[in-house]
Amino acid sequence: METITLDGQEATTTYHRGPARLVYHEIDHLDGLLHTARMRTGIDPIPVEEYRQTGHSWACKQ
């Protein structure tokens, strides 16, 4: 991600895995997008309840 610091300097930060997904998700919100806007047509969101207390990380169903 490229940003401008408070003192006007350009800064580049690279995120990987979970943090990258989180940052991308939050940038989408700044642009007025919800996760469902990026989903393929005909695919329903997976309820959070399916993941709670499973011991598994979030993953996309294919």
PDB file of N, CA and C in Angstrom:
ATOM      1  N   MET A   1       0.833  -1.141   0.000  1.00  0.00           N
ATOM      2  CA  MET A   1       0.000   0.000   0.000  1.00  0.00           C
ATOM      3  C   MET A   1       0.894   1.225   0.000  1.00  0.00           C
ATOM      4  N   GLU A   2       0.561   2.197  -0.831  1.00  0.00           N
ATOM      5  CA  GLU A   2       1.300   3.445  -0.873  1.00  0.00           C
ATOM      6  C   GLU A   2       0.498   4.515  -0.147  1.00  0.00           C
ATOM      7  N   THR A   3       1.155   5.235   0.754  1.00  0.00           N
ATOM      8  CA  THR A   3       0.498   6.274   1.531  1.00  0.00           C
ATOM      9  C   THR A   3       1.394   7.489   1.630  1.00  0.00           C
ATOM     10  N   ILE A   4       0.835   8.549   2.182  1.00  0.00           N
ATOM     11  CA  ILE A   4       1.590   9.758   2.470  1.00  0.00           C
ATOM     12  C   ILE A   4       1.599   9.919   3.986  1.00  0.00           C
ATOM     13  N   THR A   5       2.766  10.077   4.570  1.00  0.00           N
ATOM     14  CA  THR A   5       2.876  10.242   6.018  1.00  0.00           C
ATOM     15  C   THR A   5       2.426  11.643   6.425  1.00  0.00           C
ATOM     16  N   LEU A   6       2.286  11.866   7.716  1.00  0.00           N
ATOM     17  CA  LEU A   6       1.857  13.167   8.217  1.00  0.00           C
ATOM     18  C   LEU A   6       2.828  14.288   7.861  1.00  0.00           C
ATOM     19  N   ASP A   7       4.100  13.942   7.637  1.00  0.00           N
ATOM     20  CA  ASP A   7       5.067  14.977   7.254  1.00  0.00           C
ATOM     21  C   ASP A   7       5.252  15.071   5.732  1.00  0.00           C
ATOM     22  N   GLY A   8       4.349  14.429   4.973  1.00  0.00           N
ATOM     23  CA  GLY A   8       4.346  14.557   3.520  1.00  0.00           C
ATOM     24  C   GLY A   8       5.226  13.602   2.757  1.00  0.00           C
ATOM     25  N   GLN A   9       5.853  12.654   3.423  1.00  0.00           N
ATOM     26  CA  GLN A   9       6.712  11.675   2.758  1.00  0.00           C
ATOM     27  C   GLN A   9       5.880  10.512   2.217  1.00  0.00           C
ATOM     28  N   GLU A  10       6.299   9.982   1.080  1.00  0.00           N
ATOM     29  CA  GLU A  10       5.645   8.788   0.546  1.00  0.00           C
ATOM     30  C   GLU A  10       6.151   7.567   1.298  1.00  0.00           C
ATOM     31  N   ALA A  11       5.251   6.646   1.593  1.00  0.00           N
ATOM     32  CA  ALA A  11       5.631   5.414   2.292  1.00  0.00           C
ATOM     33  C   ALA A  11       4.922   4.243   1.629  1.00  0.00           C
ATOM     34  N   THR A  12       5.623   3.136   1.528  1.00  0.00           N
ATOM     35  CA  THR A  12       5.049   1.911   0.988  1.00  0.00           C
ATOM     36  C   THR A  12       5.115   0.842   2.064  1.00  0.00           C
ATOM     37  N   THR A  13       3.984   0.198   2.304  1.00  0.00           N
ATOM     38  CA  THR A  13       3.910  -0.884   3.277  1.00  0.00           C
ATOM     39  C   THR A  13       3.354  -2.112   2.570  1.00  0.00           C
ATOM     40  N   THR A  14       3.964  -3.257   2.803  1.00  0.00           N
ATOM     41  CA  THR A  14       3.503  -4.508   2.215  1.00  0.00           C
ATOM     42  C   THR A  14       2.904  -5.378   3.310  1.00  0.00           C
ATOM     43  N   TYR A  15       1.713  -5.855   3.074  1.00  0.00           N
ATOM     44  CA  TYR A  15       1.028  -6.750   4.004  1.00  0.00           C
ATOM     45  C   TYR A  15       0.892  -8.120   3.349  1.00  0.00           C
ATOM     46  N   HIS A  16       0.840  -9.153   4.173  1.00  0.00           N
ATOM     47  CA  HIS A  16       0.690 -10.517   3.670  1.00  0.00           C
ATOM     48  C   HIS A  16      -0.413 -11.233   4.427  1.00  0.00           C
ATOM     49  N   ARG A  17      -1.036 -12.183   3.764  1.00  0.00           N
ATOM     50  CA  ARG A  17      -2.023 -13.081   4.351  1.00  0.00           C
ATOM     51  C   ARG A  17      -3.153 -12.330   5.037  1.00  0.00           C
ATOM     52  N   GLY A  18      -3.449 -12.632   6.290  1.00  0.00           N
ATOM     53  CA  GLY A  18      -4.585 -12.054   7.004  1.00  0.00           C
ATOM     54  C   GLY A  18      -4.575 -10.538   7.064  1.00  0.00           C
ATOM     55  N   PRO A  19      -3.453  -9.931   7.472  1.00  0.00           N
ATOM     56  CA  PRO A  19      -3.428  -8.462   7.499  1.00  0.00           C
ATOM     57  C   PRO A  19      -3.672  -7.835   6.115  1.00  0.00           C
ATOM     58  N   ALA A  20      -3.178  -8.452   5.052  1.00  0.00           N
ATOM     59  CA  ALA A  20      -3.402  -7.928   3.705  1.00  0.00           C
ATOM     60  C   ALA A  20      -4.892  -7.953   3.377  1.00  0.00           C
ATOM     61  N   ARG A  21      -5.536  -9.036   3.713  1.00  0.00           N
ATOM     62  CA  ARG A  21      -6.968  -9.161   3.466  1.00  0.00           C
ATOM     63  C   ARG A  21      -7.755  -8.127   4.275  1.00  0.00           C
ATOM     64  N   LEU A  22      -7.341  -7.915   5.514  1.00  0.00           N
ATOM     65  CA  LEU A  22      -8.009  -6.942   6.373  1.00  0.00           C
ATOM     66  C   LEU A  22      -7.857  -5.526   5.828  1.00  0.00           C
ATOM     67  N   VAL A  23      -6.638  -5.144   5.437  1.00  0.00           N
ATOM     68  CA  VAL A  23      -6.400  -3.802   4.904  1.00  0.00           C
ATOM     69  C   VAL A  23      -7.211  -3.594   3.624  1.00  0.00           C
ATOM     70  N   TYR A  24      -7.201  -4.578   2.736  1.00  0.00           N
ATOM     71  CA  TYR A  24      -7.949  -4.484   1.482  1.00  0.00           C
ATOM     72  C   TYR A  24      -9.444  -4.313   1.765  1.00  0.00           C
ATOM     73  N   HIS A  25      -9.942  -5.066   2.731  1.00  0.00           N
ATOM     74  CA  HIS A  25     -11.341  -4.997   3.131  1.00  0.00           C
ATOM     75  C   HIS A  25     -11.693  -3.586   3.625  1.00  0.00           C
ATOM     76  N   GLU A  26     -10.837  -3.010   4.458  1.00  0.00           N
ATOM     77  CA  GLU A  26     -11.110  -1.679   5.003  1.00  0.00           C
ATOM     78  C   GLU A  26     -11.004  -0.599   3.923  1.00  0.00           C
ATOM     79  N   ILE A  27     -10.083  -0.756   2.977  1.00  0.00           N
ATOM     80  CA  ILE A  27     -10.001   0.194   1.865  1.00  0.00           C
ATOM     81  C   ILE A  27     -11.269   0.126   1.033  1.00  0.00           C
ATOM     82  N   ASP A  28     -11.812  -1.068   0.835  1.00  0.00           N
ATOM     83  CA  ASP A  28     -13.094  -1.196   0.143  1.00  0.00           C
ATOM     84  C   ASP A  28     -14.169  -0.368   0.843  1.00  0.00           C
ATOM     85  N   HIS A  29     -14.209  -0.408   2.176  1.00  0.00           N
ATOM     86  CA  HIS A  29     -15.202   0.388   2.911  1.00  0.00           C
ATOM     87  C   HIS A  29     -15.007   1.882   2.641  1.00  0.00           C
ATOM     88  N   LEU A  30     -13.766   2.343   2.596  1.00  0.00           N
ATOM     89  CA  LEU A  30     -13.507   3.751   2.298  1.00  0.00           C
ATOM     90  C   LEU A  30     -14.017   4.123   0.905  1.00  0.00           C
ATOM     91  N   ASP A  31     -14.004   3.147   0.004  1.00  0.00           N
ATOM     92  CA  ASP A  31     -14.509   3.357  -1.352  1.00  0.00           C
ATOM     93  C   ASP A  31     -16.009   3.082  -1.460  1.00  0.00           C
ATOM     94  N   GLY A  32     -16.657   2.750  -0.336  1.00  0.00           N
ATOM     95  CA  GLY A  32     -18.101   2.510  -0.335  1.00  0.00           C
ATOM     96  C   GLY A  32     -18.511   1.126  -0.802  1.00  0.00           C
ATOM     97  N   LEU A  33     -17.578   0.170  -0.793  1.00  0.00           N
ATOM     98  CA  LEU A  33     -17.894  -1.190  -1.241  1.00  0.00           C
ATOM     99  C   LEU A  33     -18.038  -2.142  -0.056  1.00  0.00           C
ATOM    100  N   LEU A  34     -18.940  -3.081  -0.193  1.00  0.00           N
ATOM    101  CA  LEU A  34     -19.071  -4.160   0.771  1.00  0.00           C
ATOM    102  C   LEU A  34     -18.489  -5.426   0.153  1.00  0.00           C
ATOM    103  N   HIS A  35     -18.163  -6.392   0.994  1.00  0.00           N
ATOM    104  CA  HIS A  35     -17.597  -7.655   0.514  1.00  0.00           C
ATOM    105  C   HIS A  35     -18.489  -8.298  -0.549  1.00  0.00           C
ATOM    106  N   THR A  36     -19.796  -8.200  -0.349  1.00  0.00           N
ATOM    107  CA  THR A  36     -20.730  -8.829  -1.292  1.00  0.00           C
ATOM    108  C   THR A  36     -20.622  -8.240  -2.695  1.00  0.00           C
ATOM    109  N   ALA A  37     -20.100  -7.024  -2.840  1.00  0.00           N
ATOM    110  CA  ALA A  37     -19.929  -6.419  -4.164  1.00  0.00           C
ATOM    111  C   ALA A  37     -18.846  -7.134  -4.965  1.00  0.00           C
ATOM    112  N   ARG A  38     -17.948  -7.844  -4.294  1.00  0.00           N
ATOM    113  CA  ARG A  38     -16.858  -8.553  -4.977  1.00  0.00           C
ATOM    114  C   ARG A  38     -17.157 -10.043  -5.183  1.00  0.00           C
ATOM    115  N   MET A  39     -18.295 -10.488  -4.678  1.00  0.00           N
ATOM    116  CA  MET A  39     -18.626 -11.911  -4.795  1.00  0.00           C
ATOM    117  C   MET A  39     -19.135 -12.240  -6.196  1.00  0.00           C
ATOM    118  N   ARG A  40     -18.857 -13.468  -6.615  1.00  0.00           N
ATOM    119  CA  ARG A  40     -19.367 -13.919  -7.909  1.00  0.00           C
ATOM    120  C   ARG A  40     -20.888 -14.032  -7.862  1.00  0.00           C
ATOM    121  N   THR A  41     -21.534 -13.777  -8.982  1.00  0.00           N
ATOM    122  CA  THR A  41     -22.976 -13.890  -9.082  1.00  0.00           C
ATOM    123  C   THR A  41     -23.409 -15.316  -8.749  1.00  0.00           C
ATOM    124  N   GLY A  42     -24.458 -15.425  -7.937  1.00  0.00           N
ATOM    125  CA  GLY A  42     -24.998 -16.729  -7.584  1.00  0.00           C
ATOM    126  C   GLY A  42     -24.356 -17.377  -6.372  1.00  0.00           C
ATOM    127  N   ILE A  43     -23.344 -16.726  -5.782  1.00  0.00           N
ATOM    128  CA  ILE A  43     -22.677 -17.264  -4.599  1.00  0.00           C
ATOM    129  C   ILE A  43     -23.209 -16.525  -3.370  1.00  0.00           C
ATOM    130  N   ASP A  44     -23.689 -17.266  -2.392  1.00  0.00           N
ATOM    131  CA  ASP A  44     -24.209 -16.668  -1.171  1.00  0.00           C
ATOM    132  C   ASP A  44     -23.086 -16.487  -0.148  1.00  0.00           C
ATOM    133  N   PRO A  45     -23.188 -15.426   0.669  1.00  0.00           N
ATOM    134  CA  PRO A  45     -22.201 -15.257   1.746  1.00  0.00           C
ATOM    135  C   PRO A  45     -22.259 -16.439   2.712  1.00  0.00           C
ATOM    136  N   ILE A  46     -21.121 -16.789   3.300  1.00  0.00           N
ATOM    137  CA  ILE A  46     -21.057 -17.882   4.265  1.00  0.00           C
ATOM    138  C   ILE A  46     -21.323 -17.288   5.649  1.00  0.00           C
ATOM    139  N   PRO A  47     -22.309 -17.816   6.366  1.00  0.00           N
ATOM    140  CA  PRO A  47     -22.612 -17.270   7.694  1.00  0.00           C
ATOM    141  C   PRO A  47     -21.426 -17.395   8.650  1.00  0.00           C
ATOM    142  N   VAL A  48     -21.213 -16.357   9.452  1.00  0.00           N
ATOM    143  CA  VAL A  48     -20.131 -16.348  10.430  1.00  0.00           C
ATOM    144  C   VAL A  48     -20.262 -17.532  11.372  1.00  0.00           C
ATOM    145  N   GLU A  49     -21.481 -17.923  11.682  1.00  0.00           N
ATOM    146  CA  GLU A  49     -21.708 -19.032  12.612  1.00  0.00           C
ATOM    147  C   GLU A  49     -21.024 -20.321  12.159  1.00  0.00           C
ATOM    148  N   GLU A  50     -20.814 -20.480  10.856  1.00  0.00           N
ATOM    149  CA  GLU A  50     -20.137 -21.682  10.353  1.00  0.00           C
ATOM    150  C   GLU A  50     -18.669 -21.714  10.783  1.00  0.00           C
ATOM    151  N   TYR A  51     -18.083 -20.560  11.088  1.00  0.00           N
ATOM    152  CA  TYR A  51     -16.669 -20.484  11.422  1.00  0.00           C
ATOM    153  C   TYR A  51     -16.397 -20.371  12.913  1.00  0.00           C
ATOM    154  N   ARG A  52     -17.369 -19.919  13.656  1.00  0.00           N
ATOM    155  CA  ARG A  52     -17.144 -19.689  15.089  1.00  0.00           C
ATOM    156  C   ARG A  52     -16.764 -20.979  15.794  1.00  0.00           C
ATOM    157  N   GLN A  53     -15.703 -20.908  16.568  1.00  0.00           N
ATOM    158  CA  GLN A  53     -15.228 -21.990  17.414  1.00  0.00           C
ATOM    159  C   GLN A  53     -14.929 -23.280  16.649  1.00  0.00           C
ATOM    160  N   THR A  54     -14.536 -23.136  15.382  1.00  0.00           N
ATOM    161  CA  THR A  54     -14.158 -24.320  14.605  1.00  0.00           C
ATOM    162  C   THR A  54     -12.665 -24.597  14.713  1.00  0.00           C
ATOM    163  N   GLY A  55     -11.885 -23.578  15.119  1.00  0.00           N
ATOM    164  CA  GLY A  55     -10.446 -23.733  15.184  1.00  0.00           C
ATOM    165  C   GLY A  55      -9.773 -23.551  13.837  1.00  0.00           C
ATOM    166  N   HIS A  56     -10.523 -23.121  12.819  1.00  0.00           N
ATOM    167  CA  HIS A  56      -9.983 -22.932  11.477  1.00  0.00           C
ATOM    168  C   HIS A  56      -9.993 -21.452  11.103  1.00  0.00           C
ATOM    169  N   SER A  57      -9.035 -21.061  10.286  1.00  0.00           N
ATOM    170  CA  SER A  57      -9.008 -19.702   9.756  1.00  0.00           C
ATOM    171  C   SER A  57     -10.113 -19.520   8.734  1.00  0.00           C
ATOM    172  N   TRP A  58     -10.437 -18.277   8.468  1.00  0.00           N
ATOM    173  CA  TRP A  58     -11.397 -17.994   7.404  1.00  0.00           C
ATOM    174  C   TRP A  58     -10.824 -18.485   6.082  1.00  0.00           C
ATOM    175  N   ALA A  59     -11.630 -19.069   5.272  1.00  0.00           N
ATOM    176  CA  ALA A  59     -11.198 -19.537   3.951  1.00  0.00           C
ATOM    177  C   ALA A  59     -12.349 -19.399   2.979  1.00  0.00           C
ATOM    178  N   CYS A  60     -12.031 -19.247   1.712  1.00  0.00           N
ATOM    179  CA  CYS A  60     -13.053 -19.124   0.686  1.00  0.00           C
ATOM    180  C   CYS A  60     -13.494 -20.524   0.263  1.00  0.00           C
ATOM    181  N   LYS A  61     -14.801 -20.692   0.120  1.00  0.00           N
ATOM    182  CA  LYS A  61     -15.312 -21.937  -0.443  1.00  0.00           C
ATOM    183  C   LYS A  61     -15.188 -21.848  -1.954  1.00  0.00           C
ATOM    184  N   GLN A  62     -14.798 -22.937  -2.580  1.00  0.00           N
ATOM    185  CA  GLN A  62     -14.671 -22.917  -4.042  1.00  0.00           C
ATOM    186  C   GLN A  62     -15.604 -23.903  -4.657  1.00  0.00           C
TER     187      GLN A  62
END
